[in-house]
Amino acid sequence: MNMKTETIEKNVQKDIDVLAEFIHIYCVEKHAGTERARPKSAGDVGRYLASVDFDLCAECAGLLLHAVSKRVLCLYDTKPACKKCPTHCYGPGHRDKIREVMRYSGMCLIMRGRLGLMKKYFS
């Protein structure tokens, strides 16, 4: 694997870890009392999800799987923020839901002082 490929892999993993944390915060706060399981998939999506060490409800796991698959398939080597991207790959329902999740979780992170993850929220 060359340096450029390694850098892309690290960036993809970092983006997926941030997405997973945002979705996890949302799930814990909004879907309390629902049955949860560890999100799983095969192939590249599964490989990137291996770092996710928490359980999600079925709805949030589905959103995470969709988001991860879209990130893995992203056409851009230097990925722009989704809201600034010329190619909107999320379907309208998923796009609205991820916006809701990011807005809610971003505010929770601000309140908890987790400003390191906020770069994604404001970019």
C-alpha atoms as a PDB file:
ATOM      1  CA  MET A   1       0.000   0.000   0.000  1.00  0.00           C
ATOM      2  CA  ASN A   2       1.459   3.387  -0.956  1.00  0.00           C
ATOM      3  CA  MET A   3       1.464   6.542   1.194  1.00  0.00           C
ATOM      4  CA  LYS A   4      -1.459   8.148  -0.637  1.00  0.00           C
ATOM      5  CA  THR A   5      -3.615   5.034  -0.206  1.00  0.00           C
ATOM      6  CA  GLU A   6      -2.692   4.793   3.485  1.00  0.00           C
ATOM      7  CA  THR A   7      -3.620   8.442   4.015  1.00  0.00           C
ATOM      8  CA  ILE A   8      -6.963   7.948   2.268  1.00  0.00           C
ATOM      9  CA  GLU A   9      -7.651   4.845   4.372  1.00  0.00           C
ATOM     10  CA  LYS A  10      -6.884   6.745   7.593  1.00  0.00           C
ATOM     11  CA  ASN A  11      -9.118   9.642   6.538  1.00  0.00           C
ATOM     12  CA  VAL A  12     -11.986   7.312   5.670  1.00  0.00           C
ATOM     13  CA  GLN A  13     -11.644   5.518   9.020  1.00  0.00           C
ATOM     14  CA  LYS A  14     -11.539   8.826  10.895  1.00  0.00           C
ATOM     15  CA  ASP A  15     -14.684  10.050   9.103  1.00  0.00           C
ATOM     16  CA  ILE A  16     -16.481   6.786   9.856  1.00  0.00           C
ATOM     17  CA  ASP A  17     -15.462   6.884  13.523  1.00  0.00           C
ATOM     18  CA  VAL A  18     -16.851  10.427  13.816  1.00  0.00           C
ATOM     19  CA  LEU A  19     -20.083   9.436  12.044  1.00  0.00           C
ATOM     20  CA  ALA A  20     -20.468   6.427  14.320  1.00  0.00           C
ATOM     21  CA  GLU A  21     -19.976   8.527  17.435  1.00  0.00           C
ATOM     22  CA  PHE A  22     -22.533  11.103  16.295  1.00  0.00           C
ATOM     23  CA  ILE A  23     -25.067   8.378  15.513  1.00  0.00           C
ATOM     24  CA  HIS A  24     -24.340   6.608  18.812  1.00  0.00           C
ATOM     25  CA  ILE A  25     -24.998   9.780  20.829  1.00  0.00           C
ATOM     26  CA  TYR A  26     -28.251  10.320  18.972  1.00  0.00           C
ATOM     27  CA  CYS A  27     -29.329   6.694  19.422  1.00  0.00           C
ATOM     28  CA  VAL A  28     -28.635   6.622  23.168  1.00  0.00           C
ATOM     29  CA  GLU A  29     -30.511   9.888  23.737  1.00  0.00           C
ATOM     30  CA  LYS A  30     -33.430   9.448  21.337  1.00  0.00           C
ATOM     31  CA  HIS A  31     -34.015   5.689  21.279  1.00  0.00           C
ATOM     32  CA  ALA A  32     -33.647   4.753  24.931  1.00  0.00           C
ATOM     33  CA  GLY A  33     -35.204   1.416  25.758  1.00  0.00           C
ATOM     34  CA  THR A  34     -34.992  -0.012  22.241  1.00  0.00           C
ATOM     35  CA  GLU A  35     -33.206  -3.256  21.498  1.00  0.00           C
ATOM     36  CA  ARG A  36     -29.660  -2.711  20.305  1.00  0.00           C
ATOM     37  CA  ALA A  37     -26.976  -4.735  18.565  1.00  0.00           C
ATOM     38  CA  ARG A  38     -23.516  -4.134  17.153  1.00  0.00           C
ATOM     39  CA  PRO A  39     -23.759  -2.942  13.516  1.00  0.00           C
ATOM     40  CA  LYS A  40     -22.274  -5.523  11.159  1.00  0.00           C
ATOM     41  CA  SER A  41     -21.608  -5.788   7.456  1.00  0.00           C
ATOM     42  CA  ALA A  42     -19.315  -7.582   5.041  1.00  0.00           C
ATOM     43  CA  GLY A  43     -16.584  -6.297   2.766  1.00  0.00           C
ATOM     44  CA  ASP A  44     -15.071  -2.834   3.086  1.00  0.00           C
ATOM     45  CA  VAL A  45     -18.023  -1.532   5.099  1.00  0.00           C
ATOM     46  CA  GLY A  46     -17.525  -4.321   7.645  1.00  0.00           C
ATOM     47  CA  ARG A  47     -13.792  -3.672   7.805  1.00  0.00           C
ATOM     48  CA  TYR A  48     -14.368  -0.019   8.651  1.00  0.00           C
ATOM     49  CA  LEU A  49     -17.103  -0.879  11.160  1.00  0.00           C
ATOM     50  CA  ALA A  50     -14.723  -3.145  13.096  1.00  0.00           C
ATOM     51  CA  SER A  51     -13.680  -0.134  15.197  1.00  0.00           C
ATOM     52  CA  VAL A  52     -17.285   0.550  16.287  1.00  0.00           C
ATOM     53  CA  ASP A  53     -17.500  -0.857  19.805  1.00  0.00           C
ATOM     54  CA  PHE A  54     -21.060   0.009  20.808  1.00  0.00           C
ATOM     55  CA  ASP A  55     -24.572  -1.162  20.020  1.00  0.00           C
ATOM     56  CA  LEU A  56     -27.216   0.731  18.044  1.00  0.00           C
ATOM     57  CA  CYS A  57     -30.942   0.280  17.494  1.00  0.00           C
ATOM     58  CA  ALA A  58     -31.979  -1.090  14.088  1.00  0.00           C
ATOM     59  CA  GLU A  59     -32.866   2.370  12.719  1.00  0.00           C
ATOM     60  CA  CYS A  60     -29.562   3.934  13.726  1.00  0.00           C
ATOM     61  CA  ALA A  61     -27.557   0.880  12.614  1.00  0.00           C
ATOM     62  CA  GLY A  62     -29.216   1.161   9.192  1.00  0.00           C
ATOM     63  CA  LEU A  63     -28.329   4.849   9.000  1.00  0.00           C
ATOM     64  CA  LEU A  64     -24.724   4.109   9.974  1.00  0.00           C
ATOM     65  CA  LEU A  65     -24.443   1.318   7.388  1.00  0.00           C
ATOM     66  CA  HIS A  66     -25.806   3.661   4.708  1.00  0.00           C
ATOM     67  CA  ALA A  67     -23.439   6.460   5.740  1.00  0.00           C
ATOM     68  CA  VAL A  68     -20.410   4.170   5.849  1.00  0.00           C
ATOM     69  CA  SER A  69     -21.182   2.674   2.446  1.00  0.00           C
ATOM     70  CA  LYS A  70     -21.521   6.156   0.957  1.00  0.00           C
ATOM     71  CA  ARG A  71     -18.246   7.270   2.563  1.00  0.00           C
ATOM     72  CA  VAL A  72     -16.408   4.191   1.318  1.00  0.00           C
ATOM     73  CA  LEU A  73     -17.706   4.819  -2.211  1.00  0.00           C
ATOM     74  CA  CYS A  74     -16.975   8.579  -2.159  1.00  0.00           C
ATOM     75  CA  LEU A  75     -15.566   9.751  -5.481  1.00  0.00           C
ATOM     76  CA  TYR A  76     -13.239  12.345  -3.973  1.00  0.00           C
ATOM     77  CA  ASP A  77      -9.726  11.670  -2.652  1.00  0.00           C
ATOM     78  CA  THR A  78      -9.941  14.800  -0.544  1.00  0.00           C
ATOM     79  CA  LYS A  79     -13.514  14.493   0.627  1.00  0.00           C
ATOM     80  CA  PRO A  80     -15.360  17.786   1.004  1.00  0.00           C
ATOM     81  CA  ALA A  81     -17.932  18.278   3.762  1.00  0.00           C
ATOM     82  CA  CYS A  82     -21.175  16.679   2.612  1.00  0.00           C
ATOM     83  CA  LYS A  83     -23.070  19.969   2.636  1.00  0.00           C
ATOM     84  CA  LYS A  84     -20.396  21.491   0.354  1.00  0.00           C
ATOM     85  CA  CYS A  85     -20.013  18.472  -1.925  1.00  0.00           C
ATOM     86  CA  PRO A  86     -21.007  18.823  -5.600  1.00  0.00           C
ATOM     87  CA  THR A  87     -22.242  15.194  -5.583  1.00  0.00           C
ATOM     88  CA  HIS A  88     -25.033  14.488  -3.096  1.00  0.00           C
ATOM     89  CA  CYS A  89     -24.912  10.724  -2.659  1.00  0.00           C
ATOM     90  CA  TYR A  90     -27.381  10.381   0.226  1.00  0.00           C
ATOM     91  CA  GLY A  91     -31.010   9.918  -0.719  1.00  0.00           C
ATOM     92  CA  PRO A  92     -33.409  12.629   0.527  1.00  0.00           C
ATOM     93  CA  GLY A  93     -34.624  10.571   3.523  1.00  0.00           C
ATOM     94  CA  HIS A  94     -31.122   9.636   4.638  1.00  0.00           C
ATOM     95  CA  ARG A  95     -29.822  13.155   4.068  1.00  0.00           C
ATOM     96  CA  ASP A  96     -32.537  14.650   6.291  1.00  0.00           C
ATOM     97  CA  LYS A  97     -31.936  12.048   8.997  1.00  0.00           C
ATOM     98  CA  ILE A  98     -28.157  12.499   9.057  1.00  0.00           C
ATOM     99  CA  ARG A  99     -28.640  16.275   9.295  1.00  0.00           C
ATOM    100  CA  GLU A 100     -30.939  15.739  12.277  1.00  0.00           C
ATOM    101  CA  VAL A 101     -28.423  13.393  13.908  1.00  0.00           C
ATOM    102  CA  MET A 102     -25.485  15.751  13.303  1.00  0.00           C
ATOM    103  CA  ARG A 103     -27.394  18.766  14.601  1.00  0.00           C
ATOM    104  CA  TYR A 104     -28.526  16.972  17.761  1.00  0.00           C
ATOM    105  CA  SER A 105     -25.246  15.203  18.509  1.00  0.00           C
ATOM    106  CA  GLY A 106     -23.188  18.280  17.686  1.00  0.00           C
ATOM    107  CA  MET A 107     -25.013  20.256  20.336  1.00  0.00           C
ATOM    108  CA  CYS A 108     -24.539  17.413  22.844  1.00  0.00           C
ATOM    109  CA  LEU A 109     -20.800  17.399  22.109  1.00  0.00           C
ATOM    110  CA  ILE A 110     -20.581  21.155  22.608  1.00  0.00           C
ATOM    111  CA  MET A 111     -22.328  20.810  25.970  1.00  0.00           C
ATOM    112  CA  ARG A 112     -19.911  18.014  26.969  1.00  0.00           C
ATOM    113  CA  GLY A 113     -16.862  20.010  25.884  1.00  0.00           C
ATOM    114  CA  ARG A 114     -15.894  17.556  23.113  1.00  0.00           C
ATOM    115  CA  LEU A 115     -14.771  20.263  20.722  1.00  0.00           C
ATOM    116  CA  GLY A 116     -12.290  18.026  18.895  1.00  0.00           C
ATOM    117  CA  LEU A 117     -15.130  16.395  16.954  1.00  0.00           C
ATOM    118  CA  MET A 118     -16.768  19.712  16.186  1.00  0.00           C
ATOM    119  CA  LYS A 119     -14.575  20.356  13.134  1.00  0.00           C
ATOM    120  CA  LYS A 120     -16.848  17.977  11.193  1.00  0.00           C
ATOM    121  CA  TYR A 121     -19.953  19.638  12.572  1.00  0.00           C
ATOM    122  CA  PHE A 122     -19.016  23.116  11.363  1.00  0.00           C
ATOM    123  CA  SER A 123     -17.272  22.229   8.085  1.00  0.00           C
END
